[in-house]
N, C-alpha and C. Protein backbone atom coordinates (compact mmCIF):
# COMPACT_ATOMS: atom_id res chain seq x y z
N UNK A 1 40.54 -64.58 -8.95
CA UNK A 1 39.33 -64.01 -8.56
C UNK A 1 39.13 -64.57 -6.88
N UNK A 2 40.22 -65.06 -6.47
CA UNK A 2 39.97 -65.37 -4.99
C UNK A 2 40.10 -64.11 -4.16
N UNK A 3 41.03 -63.15 -4.59
CA UNK A 3 41.02 -61.90 -3.68
C UNK A 3 39.98 -61.15 -3.47
N UNK A 4 38.85 -61.39 -4.45
CA UNK A 4 37.67 -60.67 -3.96
C UNK A 4 36.68 -61.34 -2.88
N UNK A 5 37.01 -62.58 -2.67
CA UNK A 5 36.39 -63.27 -1.70
C UNK A 5 36.88 -63.27 -0.28
N UNK A 6 38.20 -62.83 -0.21
CA UNK A 6 39.18 -63.11 0.92
C UNK A 6 38.44 -61.88 1.95
N UNK A 7 38.46 -62.31 3.32
CA UNK A 7 38.11 -61.24 4.19
C UNK A 7 39.05 -60.06 4.40
N UNK A 8 38.53 -58.99 4.46
CA UNK A 8 39.34 -57.72 4.51
C UNK A 8 38.79 -56.86 5.72
N UNK A 9 39.07 -57.43 7.01
CA UNK A 9 38.68 -56.44 8.05
C UNK A 9 39.10 -55.04 8.19
N UNK A 10 40.19 -54.81 7.45
CA UNK A 10 40.50 -53.33 7.60
C UNK A 10 39.83 -52.27 6.75
N UNK A 11 38.98 -52.89 5.86
CA UNK A 11 38.13 -52.17 4.84
C UNK A 11 36.89 -51.92 5.73
N UNK A 12 36.41 -52.82 6.51
CA UNK A 12 35.22 -52.59 7.40
C UNK A 12 35.69 -51.44 8.56
N UNK A 13 36.73 -51.73 9.08
CA UNK A 13 37.19 -50.80 9.99
C UNK A 13 37.37 -49.27 9.50
N UNK A 14 37.88 -49.11 8.39
CA UNK A 14 38.03 -47.99 7.83
C UNK A 14 36.46 -47.29 7.32
N UNK A 15 35.69 -47.95 6.86
CA UNK A 15 34.30 -47.52 6.51
C UNK A 15 33.71 -47.22 7.81
N UNK A 16 33.72 -47.79 8.93
CA UNK A 16 33.22 -47.63 10.01
C UNK A 16 33.76 -46.28 10.75
N UNK A 17 35.06 -46.07 10.71
CA UNK A 17 35.94 -44.83 11.04
C UNK A 17 35.12 -43.82 10.36
N UNK A 18 35.20 -43.88 8.94
CA UNK A 18 34.67 -42.53 8.07
C UNK A 18 33.28 -42.36 8.50
N UNK A 19 32.27 -43.42 8.78
CA UNK A 19 31.12 -43.00 8.90
C UNK A 19 31.05 -42.46 10.42
N UNK A 20 31.61 -42.93 11.25
CA UNK A 20 31.52 -42.08 12.70
C UNK A 20 31.93 -40.78 12.68
N UNK A 21 33.05 -40.54 11.89
CA UNK A 21 33.62 -39.31 11.80
C UNK A 21 32.50 -38.17 11.08
N UNK A 22 31.83 -38.78 10.11
CA UNK A 22 30.83 -38.01 9.55
C UNK A 22 29.64 -37.72 10.39
N UNK A 23 29.16 -38.79 11.30
CA UNK A 23 28.09 -38.70 11.96
C UNK A 23 28.40 -37.58 13.08
N UNK A 24 29.65 -37.69 13.60
CA UNK A 24 30.06 -36.77 14.52
C UNK A 24 30.33 -35.38 14.03
N UNK A 25 30.53 -35.00 12.84
CA UNK A 25 30.58 -33.66 12.16
C UNK A 25 28.96 -33.22 11.91
N UNK A 26 28.06 -33.99 11.59
CA UNK A 26 26.73 -33.57 11.43
C UNK A 26 26.15 -33.34 12.96
N UNK A 27 26.49 -34.10 13.84
CA UNK A 27 25.92 -33.72 15.10
C UNK A 27 26.53 -32.52 15.65
N UNK A 28 27.71 -32.31 15.46
CA UNK A 28 28.26 -30.97 15.82
C UNK A 28 27.80 -29.71 15.04
N UNK A 29 27.33 -29.83 13.88
CA UNK A 29 26.86 -28.75 13.31
C UNK A 29 25.39 -28.52 13.63
N UNK A 30 24.69 -29.44 13.92
CA UNK A 30 23.28 -29.52 14.49
C UNK A 30 23.22 -28.91 15.73
N UNK A 31 24.45 -29.26 16.54
CA UNK A 31 24.17 -28.83 18.00
C UNK A 31 24.68 -27.41 18.32
N UNK A 32 25.67 -26.97 17.42
CA UNK A 32 26.37 -25.65 17.58
C UNK A 32 25.45 -24.47 16.56
N UNK A 33 25.16 -24.94 15.44
CA UNK A 33 24.60 -24.18 14.53
C UNK A 33 25.56 -23.15 14.02
N UNK A 34 25.26 -22.57 12.85
CA UNK A 34 26.15 -21.93 12.29
C UNK A 34 26.50 -20.55 13.07
N UNK A 35 27.88 -20.01 12.91
CA UNK A 35 28.22 -18.98 13.71
C UNK A 35 27.26 -17.70 13.30
N UNK A 36 26.90 -17.03 14.48
CA UNK A 36 26.02 -15.68 14.34
C UNK A 36 24.84 -16.07 13.89
N UNK A 37 24.17 -17.35 13.96
CA UNK A 37 22.93 -17.70 13.59
C UNK A 37 21.88 -17.21 14.64
N UNK A 38 22.25 -16.92 15.97
CA UNK A 38 21.24 -16.73 16.97
C UNK A 38 20.70 -15.42 16.86
N UNK A 39 21.40 -14.44 15.99
CA UNK A 39 20.79 -13.19 15.87
C UNK A 39 19.53 -13.15 14.91
N UNK A 40 19.49 -14.15 13.98
CA UNK A 40 18.18 -14.18 13.11
C UNK A 40 17.19 -15.17 13.72
N UNK A 41 17.37 -16.03 14.52
CA UNK A 41 16.60 -16.94 15.16
C UNK A 41 15.99 -16.54 16.44
N UNK A 42 16.00 -15.35 16.55
CA UNK A 42 14.95 -14.76 17.77
C UNK A 42 15.89 -14.68 18.93
N UNK A 43 17.07 -15.05 18.96
CA UNK A 43 17.96 -15.02 20.25
C UNK A 43 18.91 -13.72 19.95
N UNK A 44 19.10 -12.96 20.90
CA UNK A 44 19.88 -11.83 20.98
C UNK A 44 21.49 -12.16 20.66
N UNK A 45 22.21 -11.51 20.25
CA UNK A 45 23.60 -11.66 19.91
C UNK A 45 24.17 -12.06 21.52
N UNK A 46 25.43 -12.83 21.31
CA UNK A 46 26.02 -13.09 22.57
C UNK A 46 26.21 -12.10 23.69
N UNK A 47 26.70 -10.82 23.66
CA UNK A 47 26.87 -9.94 24.68
C UNK A 47 25.61 -9.69 25.35
N UNK A 48 24.26 -9.62 24.50
CA UNK A 48 23.01 -9.40 25.11
C UNK A 48 22.50 -10.54 25.92
N UNK A 49 22.71 -11.84 25.44
CA UNK A 49 22.57 -13.06 26.16
C UNK A 49 23.27 -13.10 27.59
N UNK A 50 24.48 -12.56 27.43
CA UNK A 50 25.37 -12.57 28.89
C UNK A 50 24.61 -11.62 29.64
N UNK A 51 24.16 -10.42 29.18
CA UNK A 51 23.36 -9.35 30.04
C UNK A 51 21.97 -9.96 30.66
N UNK A 52 21.27 -10.58 29.74
CA UNK A 52 20.09 -11.12 30.13
C UNK A 52 20.25 -12.28 31.25
N UNK A 53 21.24 -13.28 31.01
CA UNK A 53 21.43 -14.06 32.13
C UNK A 53 21.91 -13.56 33.47
N UNK A 54 22.57 -12.31 33.38
CA UNK A 54 23.16 -11.69 34.37
C UNK A 54 22.01 -10.92 35.32
N UNK A 55 21.06 -10.37 34.52
CA UNK A 55 19.97 -9.48 34.89
C UNK A 55 18.72 -10.13 35.37
N UNK A 56 18.62 -11.24 34.70
CA UNK A 56 17.21 -12.12 34.49
C UNK A 56 16.42 -11.82 33.55
N UNK A 57 15.35 -12.78 33.18
CA UNK A 57 14.68 -12.83 32.20
C UNK A 57 13.62 -11.44 32.28
N UNK A 58 13.44 -10.57 33.32
CA UNK A 58 12.51 -9.41 33.26
C UNK A 58 13.45 -8.50 32.39
N UNK A 59 14.85 -8.41 32.33
CA UNK A 59 15.54 -7.51 31.62
C UNK A 59 15.48 -7.82 29.96
N UNK A 60 15.00 -8.93 29.58
CA UNK A 60 15.00 -9.33 28.39
C UNK A 60 14.37 -8.19 27.51
N UNK A 61 13.41 -7.78 27.58
CA UNK A 61 12.60 -6.54 26.52
C UNK A 61 13.52 -5.51 26.61
N UNK A 62 14.00 -4.90 27.74
CA UNK A 62 14.98 -3.74 27.41
C UNK A 62 16.11 -4.16 26.51
N UNK A 63 16.76 -5.20 26.79
CA UNK A 63 17.93 -5.68 26.10
C UNK A 63 17.68 -5.92 24.57
N UNK A 64 16.61 -6.53 24.28
CA UNK A 64 16.22 -6.73 22.94
C UNK A 64 15.84 -5.60 22.22
N UNK A 65 15.13 -4.43 22.82
CA UNK A 65 14.87 -3.23 22.20
C UNK A 65 16.10 -2.51 21.86
N UNK A 66 16.78 -2.37 22.83
CA UNK A 66 18.21 -1.72 22.41
C UNK A 66 18.92 -2.73 21.30
N UNK A 67 19.37 -3.74 21.37
CA UNK A 67 20.00 -4.47 20.46
C UNK A 67 19.42 -4.59 19.07
N UNK A 68 18.21 -4.69 19.09
CA UNK A 68 17.54 -4.54 17.82
C UNK A 68 17.72 -3.24 17.22
N UNK A 69 17.57 -2.05 17.83
CA UNK A 69 17.79 -0.64 17.33
C UNK A 69 19.28 -0.64 16.76
N UNK A 70 20.08 -1.22 17.38
CA UNK A 70 21.74 -1.17 17.13
C UNK A 70 22.04 -2.03 16.20
N UNK A 71 21.37 -2.89 15.92
CA UNK A 71 21.73 -4.11 15.03
C UNK A 71 22.63 -3.72 13.76
N UNK A 72 22.19 -2.73 12.86
CA UNK A 72 22.91 -2.21 11.75
C UNK A 72 24.22 -1.79 12.21
N UNK A 73 24.31 -0.77 13.08
CA UNK A 73 25.49 -0.39 13.59
C UNK A 73 26.59 -1.36 13.93
N UNK A 74 26.14 -2.31 14.66
CA UNK A 74 27.14 -3.32 15.18
C UNK A 74 27.47 -4.15 13.96
N UNK A 75 26.59 -4.42 12.99
CA UNK A 75 26.96 -5.33 11.97
C UNK A 75 28.12 -4.49 11.08
N UNK A 76 27.75 -3.16 10.84
CA UNK A 76 28.82 -2.37 10.06
C UNK A 76 30.00 -2.25 10.71
N UNK A 77 29.94 -2.17 11.97
CA UNK A 77 31.33 -1.98 12.73
C UNK A 77 32.22 -3.27 12.76
N UNK A 78 31.25 -4.25 12.79
CA UNK A 78 32.05 -5.84 12.87
C UNK A 78 32.55 -6.02 11.49
N UNK A 79 31.94 -5.61 10.36
CA UNK A 79 32.52 -5.61 8.89
C UNK A 79 33.66 -4.68 8.74
N UNK A 80 33.73 -3.69 9.30
CA UNK A 80 34.86 -2.69 9.30
C UNK A 80 36.11 -3.39 10.25
N UNK A 81 35.55 -3.97 11.15
CA UNK A 81 36.84 -4.49 12.14
C UNK A 81 37.24 -5.76 11.26
N UNK A 82 36.46 -6.56 10.51
CA UNK A 82 37.09 -7.83 9.90
C UNK A 82 37.95 -7.19 8.70
N UNK A 83 37.56 -6.32 7.94
CA UNK A 83 38.14 -5.62 6.89
C UNK A 83 39.49 -5.17 7.33
N UNK A 84 39.63 -4.37 8.67
CA UNK A 84 40.89 -3.99 8.98
C UNK A 84 41.70 -5.17 9.49
N UNK A 85 41.19 -6.24 10.15
CA UNK A 85 41.95 -7.34 10.41
C UNK A 85 42.68 -7.82 9.10
N UNK A 86 41.98 -7.82 8.05
CA UNK A 86 42.50 -8.55 6.92
C UNK A 86 43.76 -7.52 6.26
N UNK A 87 43.42 -6.45 6.26
CA UNK A 87 44.49 -5.41 5.90
C UNK A 87 45.89 -5.57 6.80
N UNK A 88 45.50 -5.85 8.15
CA UNK A 88 46.62 -6.05 9.20
C UNK A 88 47.48 -7.35 8.59
N UNK A 89 46.60 -8.55 8.36
CA UNK A 89 47.14 -9.73 8.16
C UNK A 89 48.09 -9.73 6.84
N UNK A 90 47.41 -8.90 5.93
CA UNK A 90 48.22 -8.72 4.63
C UNK A 90 49.46 -7.91 4.83
N UNK A 91 49.27 -6.83 5.43
CA UNK A 91 50.55 -6.05 5.87
C UNK A 91 51.59 -6.85 6.54
N UNK A 92 51.25 -7.75 7.30
CA UNK A 92 52.23 -8.70 8.31
C UNK A 92 52.80 -9.60 7.33
N UNK A 93 52.05 -9.96 6.46
CA UNK A 93 52.82 -11.13 5.42
C UNK A 93 53.25 -10.84 4.24
N UNK A 94 53.16 -9.42 4.08
CA UNK A 94 53.61 -8.86 2.93
C UNK A 94 55.07 -8.97 2.41
N UNK A 95 55.38 -9.24 1.21
CA UNK A 95 56.74 -9.17 0.80
C UNK A 95 57.11 -8.29 -0.20
N UNK A 96 57.88 -7.42 -0.45
CA UNK A 96 58.82 -6.93 0.75
C UNK A 96 57.87 -6.37 1.83
N UNK A 97 58.40 -6.64 3.00
CA UNK A 97 57.69 -6.08 4.21
C UNK A 97 57.81 -4.48 4.20
N UNK A 98 56.87 -3.82 4.57
CA UNK A 98 56.67 -2.29 4.67
C UNK A 98 56.16 -2.02 6.08
N UNK A 99 57.24 -1.45 7.07
CA UNK A 99 56.59 -1.13 8.22
C UNK A 99 55.65 -0.03 8.41
N UNK A 100 55.69 0.78 7.53
CA UNK A 100 54.52 1.80 7.46
C UNK A 100 53.31 1.38 7.20
N UNK A 101 53.11 0.27 6.45
CA UNK A 101 52.07 -0.12 6.02
C UNK A 101 51.34 -1.18 7.45
N UNK A 102 52.26 -1.71 7.98
CA UNK A 102 51.85 -2.44 9.26
C UNK A 102 51.29 -1.54 10.12
N UNK A 103 52.04 -0.19 10.54
CA UNK A 103 51.75 0.76 11.34
C UNK A 103 50.34 1.44 10.96
N UNK A 104 50.18 1.49 9.79
CA UNK A 104 48.76 2.07 9.32
C UNK A 104 47.59 1.04 9.60
N UNK A 105 48.11 -0.24 9.27
CA UNK A 105 46.93 -1.14 9.49
C UNK A 105 46.73 -1.59 10.84
N UNK A 106 47.60 -1.32 11.91
CA UNK A 106 47.44 -1.33 13.42
C UNK A 106 46.64 -0.07 13.96
N UNK A 107 46.88 1.05 13.15
CA UNK A 107 46.06 2.12 13.70
C UNK A 107 44.58 1.99 13.19
N UNK A 108 44.45 1.52 11.95
CA UNK A 108 42.90 1.23 11.53
C UNK A 108 42.33 0.22 12.56
N UNK A 109 42.97 -0.83 12.87
CA UNK A 109 42.59 -1.99 13.73
C UNK A 109 42.17 -1.22 14.97
N UNK A 110 42.86 -0.58 15.54
CA UNK A 110 42.57 0.17 16.84
C UNK A 110 41.49 0.98 16.73
N UNK A 111 41.35 1.70 15.78
CA UNK A 111 40.20 2.58 15.42
C UNK A 111 39.00 1.72 15.35
N UNK A 112 38.78 0.57 14.54
CA UNK A 112 37.66 -0.02 14.55
C UNK A 112 37.30 -0.81 15.87
N UNK A 113 38.38 -1.15 16.61
CA UNK A 113 38.18 -1.58 18.04
C UNK A 113 37.47 -0.75 18.81
N UNK A 114 37.89 0.50 18.81
CA UNK A 114 37.40 1.63 19.63
C UNK A 114 35.91 1.90 19.12
N UNK A 115 35.63 1.77 18.04
CA UNK A 115 34.21 2.18 17.43
C UNK A 115 33.33 1.16 17.93
N UNK A 116 33.78 -0.13 17.95
CA UNK A 116 33.05 -1.27 18.41
C UNK A 116 32.76 -1.10 19.85
N UNK A 117 33.65 -0.56 20.73
CA UNK A 117 33.64 -0.41 22.01
C UNK A 117 32.60 0.59 22.35
N UNK A 118 32.64 1.71 21.62
CA UNK A 118 31.70 2.79 21.73
C UNK A 118 30.36 2.40 21.59
N UNK A 119 30.21 1.66 20.50
CA UNK A 119 28.69 1.27 20.26
C UNK A 119 28.27 0.36 21.57
N UNK A 120 29.12 -0.39 21.89
CA UNK A 120 28.81 -1.41 23.14
C UNK A 120 28.56 -0.64 24.40
N UNK A 121 29.26 0.43 24.58
CA UNK A 121 29.11 1.10 25.74
C UNK A 121 27.85 1.95 25.62
N UNK A 122 27.54 2.43 24.43
CA UNK A 122 26.22 3.13 24.10
C UNK A 122 24.88 2.18 24.33
N UNK A 123 25.13 0.98 24.05
CA UNK A 123 23.98 0.03 24.04
C UNK A 123 23.82 -0.20 25.70
N UNK A 124 24.93 -0.45 26.23
CA UNK A 124 25.03 -0.71 27.67
C UNK A 124 24.38 0.49 28.61
N UNK A 125 24.63 1.56 28.16
CA UNK A 125 24.04 2.85 28.83
C UNK A 125 22.42 2.81 28.61
N UNK A 126 22.07 2.48 27.24
CA UNK A 126 20.73 2.52 27.09
C UNK A 126 19.88 1.40 27.61
N UNK A 127 20.56 0.26 27.85
CA UNK A 127 19.87 -0.85 28.52
C UNK A 127 19.82 -0.63 30.01
N UNK A 128 20.95 -0.01 30.66
CA UNK A 128 20.88 0.11 32.05
C UNK A 128 19.79 1.43 32.30
N UNK A 129 19.62 1.99 31.47
CA UNK A 129 18.67 3.09 31.80
C UNK A 129 17.30 2.54 31.82
N UNK A 130 17.02 1.62 31.10
CA UNK A 130 15.82 1.09 30.96
C UNK A 130 15.31 -0.01 31.96
N UNK A 131 16.17 -0.65 32.55
CA UNK A 131 16.10 -1.70 33.76
C UNK A 131 15.95 -0.67 35.13
N UNK A 132 15.24 -1.40 36.08
CA UNK A 132 15.26 -0.89 37.31
C UNK A 132 16.65 -0.72 38.07
N UNK A 133 16.21 -0.17 39.41
CA UNK A 133 17.32 -0.13 40.41
C UNK A 133 18.11 -1.44 41.01
N UNK A 134 17.21 -2.45 41.00
CA UNK A 134 17.55 -3.82 41.49
C UNK A 134 18.45 -4.41 40.33
N UNK A 135 18.26 -4.09 39.29
CA UNK A 135 18.95 -4.62 38.13
C UNK A 135 20.38 -3.97 37.95
N UNK A 136 20.23 -2.68 38.28
CA UNK A 136 21.54 -1.95 38.32
C UNK A 136 22.26 -2.43 39.34
N UNK A 137 21.80 -2.65 40.49
CA UNK A 137 22.62 -2.98 41.78
C UNK A 137 23.34 -4.47 41.44
N UNK A 138 22.53 -5.31 40.69
CA UNK A 138 23.06 -6.70 40.29
C UNK A 138 24.31 -6.39 39.48
N UNK A 139 24.07 -5.63 38.55
CA UNK A 139 25.28 -5.35 37.63
C UNK A 139 26.39 -4.69 38.35
N UNK A 140 26.04 -3.79 39.26
CA UNK A 140 27.23 -3.38 39.99
C UNK A 140 28.14 -4.50 40.82
N UNK A 141 27.24 -5.28 41.49
CA UNK A 141 27.74 -6.47 42.12
C UNK A 141 28.55 -7.42 41.20
N UNK A 142 27.86 -7.64 40.20
CA UNK A 142 28.66 -8.30 39.26
C UNK A 142 29.99 -7.98 38.67
N UNK A 143 30.12 -6.67 38.46
CA UNK A 143 31.27 -5.96 38.10
C UNK A 143 32.34 -5.82 39.08
N UNK A 144 31.90 -5.88 40.49
CA UNK A 144 32.79 -5.80 41.57
C UNK A 144 33.39 -7.03 41.75
N UNK A 145 32.77 -8.27 41.54
CA UNK A 145 33.16 -9.42 41.59
C UNK A 145 34.10 -9.85 40.44
N UNK A 146 33.80 -9.55 39.20
CA UNK A 146 34.49 -9.77 38.03
C UNK A 146 33.76 -10.90 37.16
N UNK A 147 34.16 -11.13 36.14
CA UNK A 147 33.19 -11.96 35.52
C UNK A 147 33.72 -13.50 35.82
N UNK A 148 32.40 -14.37 36.16
CA UNK A 148 32.75 -15.53 36.58
C UNK A 148 33.52 -16.29 35.50
N UNK A 149 34.41 -17.24 36.11
CA UNK A 149 35.34 -18.08 35.23
C UNK A 149 34.51 -19.35 34.97
N UNK A 150 34.50 -19.89 33.77
CA UNK A 150 33.94 -21.17 33.40
C UNK A 150 34.35 -22.24 34.29
N UNK A 151 35.78 -22.18 34.44
CA UNK A 151 36.57 -23.11 35.28
C UNK A 151 35.68 -23.41 36.58
N UNK A 152 35.42 -22.28 37.30
CA UNK A 152 34.98 -22.42 38.64
C UNK A 152 33.65 -23.06 38.66
N UNK A 153 32.80 -22.98 37.49
CA UNK A 153 31.45 -23.63 37.48
C UNK A 153 31.80 -25.16 37.15
N UNK A 154 32.77 -25.54 36.57
CA UNK A 154 32.57 -27.09 36.25
C UNK A 154 33.83 -27.55 36.88
N UNK A 155 34.49 -27.14 38.00
CA UNK A 155 35.50 -27.63 38.76
C UNK A 155 35.03 -28.86 39.46
N UNK A 156 35.89 -29.88 39.57
CA UNK A 156 35.29 -30.93 40.53
C UNK A 156 36.30 -31.00 41.82
N UNK A 157 35.72 -30.94 42.73
CA UNK A 157 36.41 -31.02 44.09
C UNK A 157 36.73 -32.24 44.52
């Protein structure tokens, strides 16, 4: 029974490592939240948040009105795109490989991407129609410069 009383520092180190890992996981889950949770917590989806950030808070009502009206269409298009991606992955990994199945899957994937792009463009046009000329000028300037890169904002000189 001597082995029960012998000091084992590696057990303490392993326990501490596991505890720190679990605390890190919990912190990450709380800090980031579940994927897509913003839509249901009163925050607009990511593209709308970017537009609000670019145009300013005065554009928030117009953006939220359009995005709320389009929510069902965006969800349906997203589900169709995820399904098309699954068919694409299945065709890519199928044994025996069938090139026609992969070609069809790629065509379906292109079609769902085009549908999502159409919805996004439609929402963009509706939002721009609701905001004033100053906001449209801001958008035009933003598009002229291109999307800012995150690296530029966080770069140390």
